[in-house]
Amino acid sequence: MLHDPPSDAMLREILSTPRRIALVGASAKPWRDSHHVMAFLLRHGHDVTPVNPHLAGQAIHARPVVPDLAAAAPLDMVDVFRASRHVAGVVDDATRLGAAIVWLQLGVIDHAAAHRARAAGLIVVMDRCPVIEARRLGLGH
């Protein structure tokens, strides 16, 4: 289910403009969605930093994993692969660190955190996948 979605024009702009992205909940396991999405974003020109405190110091797709958002700054966008109950803190950190966009993956929903982020001027994409959206908009393969 989609919640207050940005327009297709906005999604196209977000996905087609190279950005510095922190991918929170990154996984080194190739069968995980976060692993696939990170590879997709890298192939499409984004500078992606994987964020996972349990994997800090390792590398995913040849990118060093950092323990938290502060270590990934400066950043333009935060892509969240965490359970909805963890979103509030991630959104608050993204806002504090100056991110312009928070992207919550499929099934990741927190209306209160999204409202706070929007009130602070951030663009929020909730309950969507950048790979699916890019393909739907004809931006990726």
C-alpha atoms as a PDB file:
ATOM      1  CA  MET A   1       0.000   0.000   0.000  1.00  0.00           C
ATOM      2  CA  LEU A   2       1.297   3.466  -0.882  1.00  0.00           C
ATOM      3  CA  HIS A   3       1.239   6.336   1.589  1.00  0.00           C
ATOM      4  CA  ASP A   4       1.278   9.985   0.457  1.00  0.00           C
ATOM      5  CA  PRO A   5       3.483   9.117  -2.508  1.00  0.00           C
ATOM      6  CA  PRO A   6       5.614  11.675  -4.311  1.00  0.00           C
ATOM      7  CA  SER A   7       4.696  12.226  -7.954  1.00  0.00           C
ATOM      8  CA  ASP A   8       6.265  10.155 -10.700  1.00  0.00           C
ATOM      9  CA  ALA A   9       8.186  13.278 -11.754  1.00  0.00           C
ATOM     10  CA  MET A  10       9.650  13.578  -8.244  1.00  0.00           C
ATOM     11  CA  LEU A  11      10.521   9.861  -8.113  1.00  0.00           C
ATOM     12  CA  ARG A  12      12.162  10.126 -11.538  1.00  0.00           C
ATOM     13  CA  GLU A  13      14.234  13.096 -10.347  1.00  0.00           C
ATOM     14  CA  ILE A  14      15.242  11.324  -7.124  1.00  0.00           C
ATOM     15  CA  LEU A  15      16.307   8.155  -8.906  1.00  0.00           C
ATOM     16  CA  SER A  16      17.981   9.684 -11.955  1.00  0.00           C
ATOM     17  CA  THR A  17      20.087  12.319 -10.172  1.00  0.00           C
ATOM     18  CA  PRO A  18      23.314  10.890  -8.707  1.00  0.00           C
ATOM     19  CA  ARG A  19      23.103  11.119  -4.944  1.00  0.00           C
ATOM     20  CA  ARG A  20      25.110  10.236  -1.864  1.00  0.00           C
ATOM     21  CA  ILE A  21      22.966   7.549  -0.267  1.00  0.00           C
ATOM     22  CA  ALA A  22      23.273   5.846   3.107  1.00  0.00           C
ATOM     23  CA  LEU A  23      21.668   2.397   2.939  1.00  0.00           C
ATOM     24  CA  VAL A  24      20.628   1.536   6.500  1.00  0.00           C
ATOM     25  CA  GLY A  25      20.268  -2.178   7.176  1.00  0.00           C
ATOM     26  CA  ALA A  26      22.712  -3.187   4.459  1.00  0.00           C
ATOM     27  CA  SER A  27      23.401  -6.898   4.188  1.00  0.00           C
ATOM     28  CA  ALA A  28      26.389  -8.814   2.854  1.00  0.00           C
ATOM     29  CA  LYS A  29      24.057 -11.718   2.028  1.00  0.00           C
ATOM     30  CA  PRO A  30      23.481 -11.695  -1.743  1.00  0.00           C
ATOM     31  CA  TRP A  31      19.936 -13.080  -1.410  1.00  0.00           C
ATOM     32  CA  ARG A  32      18.775 -10.139   0.714  1.00  0.00           C
ATOM     33  CA  ASP A  33      16.854  -7.302  -0.927  1.00  0.00           C
ATOM     34  CA  SER A  34      19.150  -4.649   0.533  1.00  0.00           C
ATOM     35  CA  HIS A  35      22.135  -6.285  -1.191  1.00  0.00           C
ATOM     36  CA  HIS A  36      20.360  -6.257  -4.555  1.00  0.00           C
ATOM     37  CA  VAL A  37      19.089  -2.678  -4.171  1.00  0.00           C
ATOM     38  CA  MET A  38      22.540  -1.419  -3.208  1.00  0.00           C
ATOM     39  CA  ALA A  39      24.058  -3.000  -6.325  1.00  0.00           C
ATOM     40  CA  PHE A  40      21.299  -1.450  -8.458  1.00  0.00           C
ATOM     41  CA  LEU A  41      21.864   2.029  -7.003  1.00  0.00           C
ATOM     42  CA  LEU A  42      25.634   1.754  -7.528  1.00  0.00           C
ATOM     43  CA  ARG A  43      25.140   0.641 -11.160  1.00  0.00           C
ATOM     44  CA  HIS A  44      22.994   3.719 -11.709  1.00  0.00           C
ATOM     45  CA  GLY A  45      25.627   6.195 -10.570  1.00  0.00           C
ATOM     46  CA  HIS A  46      24.765   6.737  -6.921  1.00  0.00           C
ATOM     47  CA  ASP A  47      27.449   6.867  -4.232  1.00  0.00           C
ATOM     48  CA  VAL A  48      26.114   4.354  -1.691  1.00  0.00           C
ATOM     49  CA  THR A  49      27.462   3.831   1.814  1.00  0.00           C
ATOM     50  CA  PRO A  50      26.220   0.683   3.569  1.00  0.00           C
ATOM     51  CA  VAL A  51      25.233   1.217   7.209  1.00  0.00           C
ATOM     52  CA  ASN A  52      25.133  -1.743   9.607  1.00  0.00           C
ATOM     53  CA  PRO A  53      26.756  -1.725  13.067  1.00  0.00           C
ATOM     54  CA  HIS A  54      27.148  -5.515  12.988  1.00  0.00           C
ATOM     55  CA  LEU A  55      29.169  -5.390   9.741  1.00  0.00           C
ATOM     56  CA  ALA A  56      31.125  -2.155  10.336  1.00  0.00           C
ATOM     57  CA  GLY A  57      34.637  -2.408   8.967  1.00  0.00           C
ATOM     58  CA  GLN A  58      33.678  -4.996   6.357  1.00  0.00           C
ATOM     59  CA  ALA A  59      32.777  -4.194   2.748  1.00  0.00           C
ATOM     60  CA  ILE A  60      29.651  -4.727   0.660  1.00  0.00           C
ATOM     61  CA  HIS A  61      30.015  -4.248  -3.099  1.00  0.00           C
ATOM     62  CA  ALA A  62      33.546  -2.952  -2.377  1.00  0.00           C
ATOM     63  CA  ARG A  63      32.108  -0.138  -0.212  1.00  0.00           C
ATOM     64  CA  PRO A  64      33.177   0.072   3.435  1.00  0.00           C
ATOM     65  CA  VAL A  65      30.355  -0.557   5.890  1.00  0.00           C
ATOM     66  CA  VAL A  66      29.929   2.109   8.559  1.00  0.00           C
ATOM     67  CA  PRO A  67      28.237   1.669  11.949  1.00  0.00           C
ATOM     68  CA  ASP A  68      25.747   4.561  11.812  1.00  0.00           C
ATOM     69  CA  LEU A  69      24.395   7.440   9.752  1.00  0.00           C
ATOM     70  CA  ALA A  70      26.812   9.955  11.246  1.00  0.00           C
ATOM     71  CA  ALA A  71      29.705   7.943   9.801  1.00  0.00           C
ATOM     72  CA  ALA A  72      28.022   8.023   6.375  1.00  0.00           C
ATOM     73  CA  ALA A  73      27.589  11.813   6.317  1.00  0.00           C
ATOM     74  CA  PRO A  74      27.410  13.982   4.359  1.00  0.00           C
ATOM     75  CA  LEU A  75      24.444  12.410   2.602  1.00  0.00           C
ATOM     76  CA  ASP A  76      21.561  13.330   0.344  1.00  0.00           C
ATOM     77  CA  MET A  77      19.285  10.351   0.884  1.00  0.00           C
ATOM     78  CA  VAL A  78      18.769   7.631   3.472  1.00  0.00           C
ATOM     79  CA  ASP A  79      17.358   4.333   2.187  1.00  0.00           C
ATOM     80  CA  VAL A  80      15.958   2.319   5.105  1.00  0.00           C
ATOM     81  CA  PHE A  81      15.892  -1.491   5.238  1.00  0.00           C
ATOM     82  CA  ARG A  82      14.945  -1.799   8.899  1.00  0.00           C
ATOM     83  CA  ALA A  83      11.778  -2.922  10.649  1.00  0.00           C
ATOM     84  CA  SER A  84       9.220  -0.139  11.015  1.00  0.00           C
ATOM     85  CA  ARG A  85       9.790   0.011  14.782  1.00  0.00           C
ATOM     86  CA  HIS A  86      13.360   1.282  14.129  1.00  0.00           C
ATOM     87  CA  VAL A  87      12.422   4.008  11.643  1.00  0.00           C
ATOM     88  CA  ALA A  88      11.858   6.883  14.089  1.00  0.00           C
ATOM     89  CA  GLY A  89      15.483   7.040  15.216  1.00  0.00           C
ATOM     90  CA  VAL A  90      16.815   6.680  11.675  1.00  0.00           C
ATOM     91  CA  VAL A  91      14.552   9.478  10.424  1.00  0.00           C
ATOM     92  CA  ASP A  92      15.544  11.740  13.316  1.00  0.00           C
ATOM     93  CA  ASP A  93      19.241  11.094  12.589  1.00  0.00           C
ATOM     94  CA  ALA A  94      18.717  11.707   8.854  1.00  0.00           C
ATOM     95  CA  THR A  95      17.016  15.012   9.622  1.00  0.00           C
ATOM     96  CA  ARG A  96      19.747  16.078  12.055  1.00  0.00           C
ATOM     97  CA  LEU A  97      22.471  15.174   9.529  1.00  0.00           C
ATOM     98  CA  GLY A  98      20.919  17.203   6.728  1.00  0.00           C
ATOM     99  CA  ALA A  99      19.550  14.512   4.426  1.00  0.00           C
ATOM    100  CA  ALA A 100      17.048  15.764   1.862  1.00  0.00           C
ATOM    101  CA  ILE A 101      15.281  12.447   1.249  1.00  0.00           C
ATOM    102  CA  VAL A 102      14.250   9.475   3.366  1.00  0.00           C
ATOM    103  CA  TRP A 103      13.221   6.367   1.434  1.00  0.00           C
ATOM    104  CA  LEU A 104      11.458   3.636   3.414  1.00  0.00           C
ATOM    105  CA  GLN A 105      11.441   0.284   1.669  1.00  0.00           C
ATOM    106  CA  LEU A 106       8.440  -1.939   0.958  1.00  0.00           C
ATOM    107  CA  GLY A 107       6.669  -2.765   4.208  1.00  0.00           C
ATOM    108  CA  VAL A 108       8.604  -0.138   6.189  1.00  0.00           C
ATOM    109  CA  ILE A 109       5.973   2.286   7.463  1.00  0.00           C
ATOM    110  CA  ASP A 110       6.045   4.888  10.228  1.00  0.00           C
ATOM    111  CA  HIS A 111       3.559   7.704   9.691  1.00  0.00           C
ATOM    112  CA  ALA A 112       4.677   9.727  12.719  1.00  0.00           C
ATOM    113  CA  ALA A 113       8.342   9.671  11.656  1.00  0.00           C
ATOM    114  CA  ALA A 114       7.348  10.503   8.070  1.00  0.00           C
ATOM    115  CA  HIS A 115       5.298  13.446   9.310  1.00  0.00           C
ATOM    116  CA  ARG A 116       8.259  14.757  11.364  1.00  0.00           C
ATOM    117  CA  ALA A 117      10.572  14.405   8.377  1.00  0.00           C
ATOM    118  CA  ARG A 118       8.164  16.209   6.036  1.00  0.00           C
ATOM    119  CA  ALA A 119       7.676  18.966   8.621  1.00  0.00           C
ATOM    120  CA  ALA A 120      11.467  19.392   8.648  1.00  0.00           C
ATOM    121  CA  GLY A 121      11.457  19.758   4.857  1.00  0.00           C
ATOM    122  CA  LEU A 122      12.551  16.270   3.821  1.00  0.00           C
ATOM    123  CA  ILE A 123      11.019  14.336   0.947  1.00  0.00           C
ATOM    124  CA  VAL A 124       9.659  11.024   2.223  1.00  0.00           C
ATOM    125  CA  VAL A 125       9.054   7.967   0.075  1.00  0.00           C
ATOM    126  CA  MET A 126       7.387   5.240   2.100  1.00  0.00           C
ATOM    127  CA  ASP A 127       6.563   1.592   1.374  1.00  0.00           C
ATOM    128  CA  ARG A 128       8.304   1.576  -2.028  1.00  0.00           C
ATOM    129  CA  CYS A 129      11.395   0.024  -3.584  1.00  0.00           C
ATOM    130  CA  PRO A 130      13.748   2.145  -5.717  1.00  0.00           C
ATOM    131  CA  VAL A 131      14.421  -0.777  -8.079  1.00  0.00           C
ATOM    132  CA  ILE A 132      10.718  -1.355  -8.712  1.00  0.00           C
ATOM    133  CA  GLU A 133      10.079   2.371  -9.103  1.00  0.00           C
ATOM    134  CA  ALA A 134      13.043   2.886 -11.454  1.00  0.00           C
ATOM    135  CA  ARG A 135      11.892   0.029 -13.669  1.00  0.00           C
ATOM    136  CA  ARG A 136       8.276   1.229 -13.621  1.00  0.00           C
ATOM    137  CA  LEU A 137       9.479   4.670 -14.708  1.00  0.00           C
ATOM    138  CA  GLY A 138      11.738   3.214 -17.409  1.00  0.00           C
ATOM    139  CA  LEU A 139      14.950   4.246 -15.656  1.00  0.00           C
ATOM    140  CA  GLY A 140      16.676   0.957 -14.973  1.00  0.00           C
ATOM    141  CA  HIS A 141      17.271  -2.614 -15.899  1.00  0.00           C
END
